[in-house]
Amino acid sequence: MIKSDKVVLELEKEAHQIGKEFYKLSKQLQTKLNQISAASVCCMQTFNEAVNKTCDSLDECAKDNAVLLQRANELSKSMEPVYKLQIKISSIKTILGALETQI
C-alpha cells in the first residue's frame, strides 16, 4: 500500500505542476490576446481617422474646384469686351492692309 500512496502523491504533485503550467500559459495567452486586441483597436482608429481626413480633403477639393470653375466663368464673361475689341482691331488691321496695297 505504501507504493500506491507514493504513486498517488506523485500523481498529485504532477497534477499540481501541470495546473501551474496551464495557469501560466493561459495568462500568457490572455496577455498576448490583449496586446493583439489593443493593436487592432489602434489600427482601426488610425484607419478611421485616415478615411475621415481623406473624405474631408475630397470635400475641400470639390468645393475649391467649384470656386475655381465659377471664377473661370466670371473671367470668361469679363473678357468678352476684350474679344470684341480684338475683332475690331483685326478688322481695322485688315482695312489698313488693303489700303496699304492700294497705295
N, C-alpha and C. Protein backbone atom coordinates (compact mmCIF):
# COMPACT_ATOMS: atom_id res chain seq x y z
N MET A 1 0.82 -1.19 0.00
CA MET A 1 0.00 0.00 0.00
C MET A 1 0.87 1.25 0.00
N ILE A 2 2.06 1.11 0.52
CA ILE A 2 2.97 2.24 0.56
C ILE A 2 3.32 2.68 -0.85
N LYS A 3 3.49 1.73 -1.73
CA LYS A 3 3.79 2.07 -3.12
C LYS A 3 2.64 2.83 -3.76
N SER A 4 1.43 2.43 -3.51
CA SER A 4 0.28 3.11 -4.10
C SER A 4 0.13 4.51 -3.53
N ASP A 5 0.51 4.71 -2.24
CA ASP A 5 0.48 6.06 -1.67
C ASP A 5 1.50 6.96 -2.35
N LYS A 6 2.67 6.38 -2.62
CA LYS A 6 3.72 7.15 -3.31
C LYS A 6 3.26 7.53 -4.72
N VAL A 7 2.63 6.61 -5.39
CA VAL A 7 2.14 6.85 -6.75
C VAL A 7 1.09 7.95 -6.74
N VAL A 8 0.19 7.87 -5.76
CA VAL A 8 -0.87 8.87 -5.66
C VAL A 8 -0.25 10.24 -5.36
N LEU A 9 0.69 10.28 -4.44
CA LEU A 9 1.37 11.54 -4.11
C LEU A 9 2.12 12.09 -5.33
N GLU A 10 2.76 11.22 -6.05
CA GLU A 10 3.49 11.63 -7.26
C GLU A 10 2.52 12.15 -8.32
N LEU A 11 1.38 11.49 -8.46
CA LEU A 11 0.35 11.94 -9.41
C LEU A 11 -0.21 13.30 -9.00
N GLU A 12 -0.44 13.48 -7.70
CA GLU A 12 -0.94 14.77 -7.21
C GLU A 12 0.08 15.87 -7.47
N LYS A 13 1.33 15.54 -7.21
CA LYS A 13 2.41 16.51 -7.44
C LYS A 13 2.47 16.89 -8.92
N GLU A 14 2.42 15.92 -9.80
CA GLU A 14 2.43 16.17 -11.25
C GLU A 14 1.20 16.95 -11.70
N ALA A 15 0.05 16.61 -11.14
CA ALA A 15 -1.19 17.32 -11.49
C ALA A 15 -1.10 18.77 -11.04
N HIS A 16 -0.53 18.99 -9.86
CA HIS A 16 -0.37 20.35 -9.35
C HIS A 16 0.59 21.15 -10.27
N GLN A 17 1.68 20.50 -10.68
CA GLN A 17 2.66 21.14 -11.58
C GLN A 17 2.01 21.46 -12.93
N ILE A 18 1.23 20.53 -13.44
CA ILE A 18 0.53 20.76 -14.72
C ILE A 18 -0.46 21.91 -14.57
N GLY A 19 -1.14 21.99 -13.43
CA GLY A 19 -2.08 23.08 -13.18
C GLY A 19 -1.38 24.43 -13.18
N LYS A 20 -0.19 24.49 -12.55
CA LYS A 20 0.59 25.74 -12.54
C LYS A 20 1.01 26.14 -13.95
N GLU A 21 1.49 25.17 -14.72
CA GLU A 21 1.90 25.44 -16.11
C GLU A 21 0.72 25.90 -16.96
N PHE A 22 -0.42 25.23 -16.77
CA PHE A 22 -1.62 25.62 -17.52
C PHE A 22 -2.03 27.05 -17.18
N TYR A 23 -2.00 27.38 -15.89
CA TYR A 23 -2.35 28.74 -15.45
C TYR A 23 -1.39 29.75 -16.06
N LYS A 24 -0.10 29.44 -16.03
CA LYS A 24 0.92 30.34 -16.58
C LYS A 24 0.71 30.54 -18.09
N LEU A 25 0.48 29.45 -18.79
CA LEU A 25 0.26 29.54 -20.25
C LEU A 25 -1.02 30.29 -20.58
N SER A 26 -2.07 30.08 -19.81
CA SER A 26 -3.33 30.79 -20.08
C SER A 26 -3.17 32.28 -19.81
N LYS A 27 -2.38 32.66 -18.79
CA LYS A 27 -2.13 34.08 -18.53
C LYS A 27 -1.32 34.70 -19.67
N GLN A 28 -0.31 33.96 -20.17
CA GLN A 28 0.48 34.46 -21.30
C GLN A 28 -0.40 34.64 -22.54
N LEU A 29 -1.26 33.68 -22.76
CA LEU A 29 -2.18 33.76 -23.90
C LEU A 29 -3.11 34.95 -23.75
N GLN A 30 -3.63 35.16 -22.54
CA GLN A 30 -4.51 36.29 -22.28
C GLN A 30 -3.78 37.61 -22.54
N THR A 31 -2.53 37.70 -22.09
CA THR A 31 -1.73 38.91 -22.30
C THR A 31 -1.52 39.16 -23.79
N LYS A 32 -1.16 38.13 -24.52
CA LYS A 32 -0.93 38.27 -25.97
C LYS A 32 -2.21 38.67 -26.68
N LEU A 33 -3.33 38.05 -26.31
CA LEU A 33 -4.60 38.40 -26.93
C LEU A 33 -4.99 39.85 -26.64
N ASN A 34 -4.71 40.31 -25.42
CA ASN A 34 -4.98 41.71 -25.07
C ASN A 34 -4.11 42.65 -25.90
N GLN A 35 -2.84 42.28 -26.09
CA GLN A 35 -1.95 43.10 -26.91
C GLN A 35 -2.42 43.15 -28.36
N ILE A 36 -2.82 42.01 -28.88
CA ILE A 36 -3.31 41.96 -30.26
C ILE A 36 -4.59 42.77 -30.39
N SER A 37 -5.46 42.66 -29.41
CA SER A 37 -6.71 43.41 -29.43
C SER A 37 -6.44 44.92 -29.39
N ALA A 38 -5.51 45.33 -28.52
CA ALA A 38 -5.17 46.76 -28.43
C ALA A 38 -4.58 47.25 -29.75
N ALA A 39 -3.71 46.44 -30.35
CA ALA A 39 -3.12 46.83 -31.64
C ALA A 39 -4.20 46.93 -32.71
N SER A 40 -5.16 45.99 -32.68
CA SER A 40 -6.25 46.03 -33.67
C SER A 40 -7.10 47.29 -33.51
N VAL A 41 -7.41 47.64 -32.26
CA VAL A 41 -8.19 48.85 -32.00
C VAL A 41 -7.43 50.08 -32.49
N CYS A 42 -6.13 50.11 -32.20
CA CYS A 42 -5.30 51.25 -32.64
C CYS A 42 -5.29 51.35 -34.17
N CYS A 43 -5.15 50.22 -34.82
CA CYS A 43 -5.15 50.21 -36.30
C CYS A 43 -6.50 50.68 -36.85
N MET A 44 -7.58 50.23 -36.24
CA MET A 44 -8.90 50.64 -36.70
C MET A 44 -9.12 52.14 -36.49
N GLN A 45 -8.65 52.68 -35.37
CA GLN A 45 -8.77 54.11 -35.12
C GLN A 45 -7.96 54.90 -36.14
N THR A 46 -6.74 54.43 -36.41
CA THR A 46 -5.89 55.10 -37.40
C THR A 46 -6.55 55.06 -38.77
N PHE A 47 -7.09 53.91 -39.15
CA PHE A 47 -7.77 53.77 -40.43
C PHE A 47 -8.97 54.72 -40.51
N ASN A 48 -9.75 54.76 -39.43
CA ASN A 48 -10.93 55.62 -39.38
C ASN A 48 -10.53 57.09 -39.54
N GLU A 49 -9.49 57.50 -38.82
CA GLU A 49 -9.02 58.88 -38.93
C GLU A 49 -8.53 59.18 -40.34
N ALA A 50 -7.81 58.23 -40.94
CA ALA A 50 -7.31 58.43 -42.30
C ALA A 50 -8.46 58.58 -43.30
N VAL A 51 -9.48 57.74 -43.16
CA VAL A 51 -10.64 57.82 -44.06
C VAL A 51 -11.35 59.15 -43.87
N ASN A 52 -11.54 59.56 -42.61
CA ASN A 52 -12.21 60.84 -42.35
C ASN A 52 -11.43 62.00 -42.94
N LYS A 53 -10.11 62.01 -42.76
CA LYS A 53 -9.29 63.09 -43.30
C LYS A 53 -9.32 63.09 -44.83
N THR A 54 -9.31 61.89 -45.41
CA THR A 54 -9.37 61.79 -46.87
C THR A 54 -10.70 62.33 -47.38
N CYS A 55 -11.77 61.97 -46.72
CA CYS A 55 -13.09 62.46 -47.12
C CYS A 55 -13.17 63.98 -46.97
N ASP A 56 -12.63 64.50 -45.87
CA ASP A 56 -12.63 65.95 -45.68
C ASP A 56 -11.82 66.64 -46.78
N SER A 57 -10.67 66.05 -47.12
CA SER A 57 -9.84 66.63 -48.18
C SER A 57 -10.56 66.60 -49.52
N LEU A 58 -11.26 65.50 -49.80
CA LEU A 58 -12.01 65.41 -51.05
C LEU A 58 -13.13 66.44 -51.10
N ASP A 59 -13.80 66.64 -49.98
CA ASP A 59 -14.85 67.67 -49.91
C ASP A 59 -14.26 69.05 -50.18
N GLU A 60 -13.12 69.33 -49.55
CA GLU A 60 -12.47 70.63 -49.76
C GLU A 60 -12.05 70.80 -51.21
N CYS A 61 -11.50 69.75 -51.80
CA CYS A 61 -11.09 69.81 -53.21
C CYS A 61 -12.29 70.07 -54.12
N ALA A 62 -13.40 69.41 -53.84
CA ALA A 62 -14.61 69.61 -54.65
C ALA A 62 -15.10 71.05 -54.52
N LYS A 63 -15.08 71.59 -53.30
CA LYS A 63 -15.50 72.98 -53.10
C LYS A 63 -14.55 73.94 -53.81
N ASP A 64 -13.24 73.69 -53.67
CA ASP A 64 -12.25 74.55 -54.33
C ASP A 64 -12.39 74.49 -55.85
N ASN A 65 -12.69 73.29 -56.36
CA ASN A 65 -12.88 73.13 -57.80
C ASN A 65 -14.10 73.91 -58.27
N ALA A 66 -15.17 73.88 -57.49
CA ALA A 66 -16.38 74.62 -57.85
C ALA A 66 -16.10 76.12 -57.86
N VAL A 67 -15.34 76.59 -56.87
CA VAL A 67 -14.98 78.02 -56.82
C VAL A 67 -14.11 78.38 -58.02
N LEU A 68 -13.16 77.51 -58.35
CA LEU A 68 -12.29 77.76 -59.50
C LEU A 68 -13.09 77.84 -60.79
N LEU A 69 -14.03 76.93 -60.98
CA LEU A 69 -14.87 76.97 -62.18
C LEU A 69 -15.72 78.24 -62.23
N GLN A 70 -16.23 78.66 -61.08
CA GLN A 70 -17.03 79.87 -61.02
C GLN A 70 -16.17 81.08 -61.40
N ARG A 71 -14.95 81.13 -60.86
CA ARG A 71 -14.04 82.24 -61.17
C ARG A 71 -13.65 82.24 -62.66
N ALA A 72 -13.45 81.04 -63.21
CA ALA A 72 -13.12 80.93 -64.63
C ALA A 72 -14.27 81.44 -65.49
N ASN A 73 -15.50 81.11 -65.13
CA ASN A 73 -16.67 81.60 -65.87
C ASN A 73 -16.79 83.12 -65.76
N GLU A 74 -16.54 83.65 -64.55
CA GLU A 74 -16.58 85.10 -64.37
C GLU A 74 -15.51 85.78 -65.22
N LEU A 75 -14.31 85.19 -65.25
CA LEU A 75 -13.23 85.75 -66.05
C LEU A 75 -13.57 85.70 -67.53
N SER A 76 -14.14 84.58 -67.96
CA SER A 76 -14.52 84.45 -69.36
C SER A 76 -15.56 85.50 -69.74
N LYS A 77 -16.54 85.74 -68.87
CA LYS A 77 -17.56 86.76 -69.15
C LYS A 77 -16.95 88.16 -69.17
N SER A 78 -16.02 88.39 -68.25
CA SER A 78 -15.42 89.73 -68.20
C SER A 78 -14.47 89.97 -69.37
N MET A 79 -14.04 88.91 -70.03
CA MET A 79 -13.14 89.05 -71.17
C MET A 79 -13.89 89.30 -72.48
N GLU A 80 -15.21 89.18 -72.49
CA GLU A 80 -15.99 89.38 -73.72
C GLU A 80 -15.70 90.72 -74.38
N PRO A 81 -15.64 91.82 -73.64
CA PRO A 81 -15.32 93.09 -74.30
C PRO A 81 -13.94 93.07 -74.96
N VAL A 82 -13.00 92.35 -74.36
CA VAL A 82 -11.65 92.26 -74.95
C VAL A 82 -11.72 91.49 -76.26
N TYR A 83 -12.51 90.42 -76.29
CA TYR A 83 -12.65 89.65 -77.53
C TYR A 83 -13.29 90.50 -78.63
N LYS A 84 -14.31 91.28 -78.26
CA LYS A 84 -14.96 92.15 -79.24
C LYS A 84 -13.98 93.20 -79.75
N LEU A 85 -13.16 93.74 -78.83
CA LEU A 85 -12.15 94.72 -79.22
C LEU A 85 -11.12 94.08 -80.15
N GLN A 86 -10.78 92.84 -79.89
CA GLN A 86 -9.82 92.13 -80.75
C GLN A 86 -10.39 92.00 -82.17
N ILE A 87 -11.68 91.72 -82.27
CA ILE A 87 -12.31 91.60 -83.59
C ILE A 87 -12.26 92.94 -84.32
N LYS A 88 -12.55 94.03 -83.59
CA LYS A 88 -12.50 95.36 -84.20
C LYS A 88 -11.09 95.71 -84.65
N ILE A 89 -10.09 95.40 -83.81
CA ILE A 89 -8.70 95.69 -84.16
C ILE A 89 -8.29 94.89 -85.40
N SER A 90 -8.70 93.61 -85.43
CA SER A 90 -8.38 92.78 -86.60
C SER A 90 -9.02 93.34 -87.85
N SER A 91 -10.26 93.84 -87.71
CA SER A 91 -10.97 94.42 -88.85
C SER A 91 -10.23 95.66 -89.35
N ILE A 92 -9.82 96.53 -88.41
CA ILE A 92 -9.07 97.74 -88.79
C ILE A 92 -7.76 97.36 -89.44
N LYS A 93 -7.10 96.37 -88.91
CA LYS A 93 -5.82 95.91 -89.47
C LYS A 93 -6.00 95.42 -90.90
N THR A 94 -7.09 94.71 -91.12
CA THR A 94 -7.37 94.21 -92.47
C THR A 94 -7.61 95.37 -93.44
N ILE A 95 -8.37 96.36 -92.96
CA ILE A 95 -8.66 97.53 -93.82
C ILE A 95 -7.37 98.28 -94.11
N LEU A 96 -6.52 98.46 -93.09
CA LEU A 96 -5.24 99.14 -93.29
C LEU A 96 -4.37 98.37 -94.26
N GLY A 97 -4.39 97.08 -94.16
CA GLY A 97 -3.62 96.25 -95.09
C GLY A 97 -4.11 96.44 -96.52
N ALA A 98 -5.42 96.50 -96.68
CA ALA A 98 -5.99 96.67 -98.01
C ALA A 98 -5.64 98.07 -98.55
N LEU A 99 -5.68 99.12 -97.72
CA LEU A 99 -5.33 100.47 -98.15
C LEU A 99 -3.86 100.56 -98.50
N GLU A 100 -3.05 99.86 -97.75
CA GLU A 100 -1.61 99.87 -97.99
C GLU A 100 -1.27 99.28 -99.33
N THR A 101 -1.99 98.26 -99.72
CA THR A 101 -1.73 97.62 -101.02
C THR A 101 -2.18 98.51 -102.18
N GLN A 102 -3.12 99.40 -101.93
CA GLN A 102 -3.61 100.29 -102.99
C GLN A 102 -2.70 101.50 -103.18
N ILE A 103 -1.91 101.80 -102.16
CA ILE A 103 -1.07 102.99 -102.26
C ILE A 103 0.18 102.68 -103.00
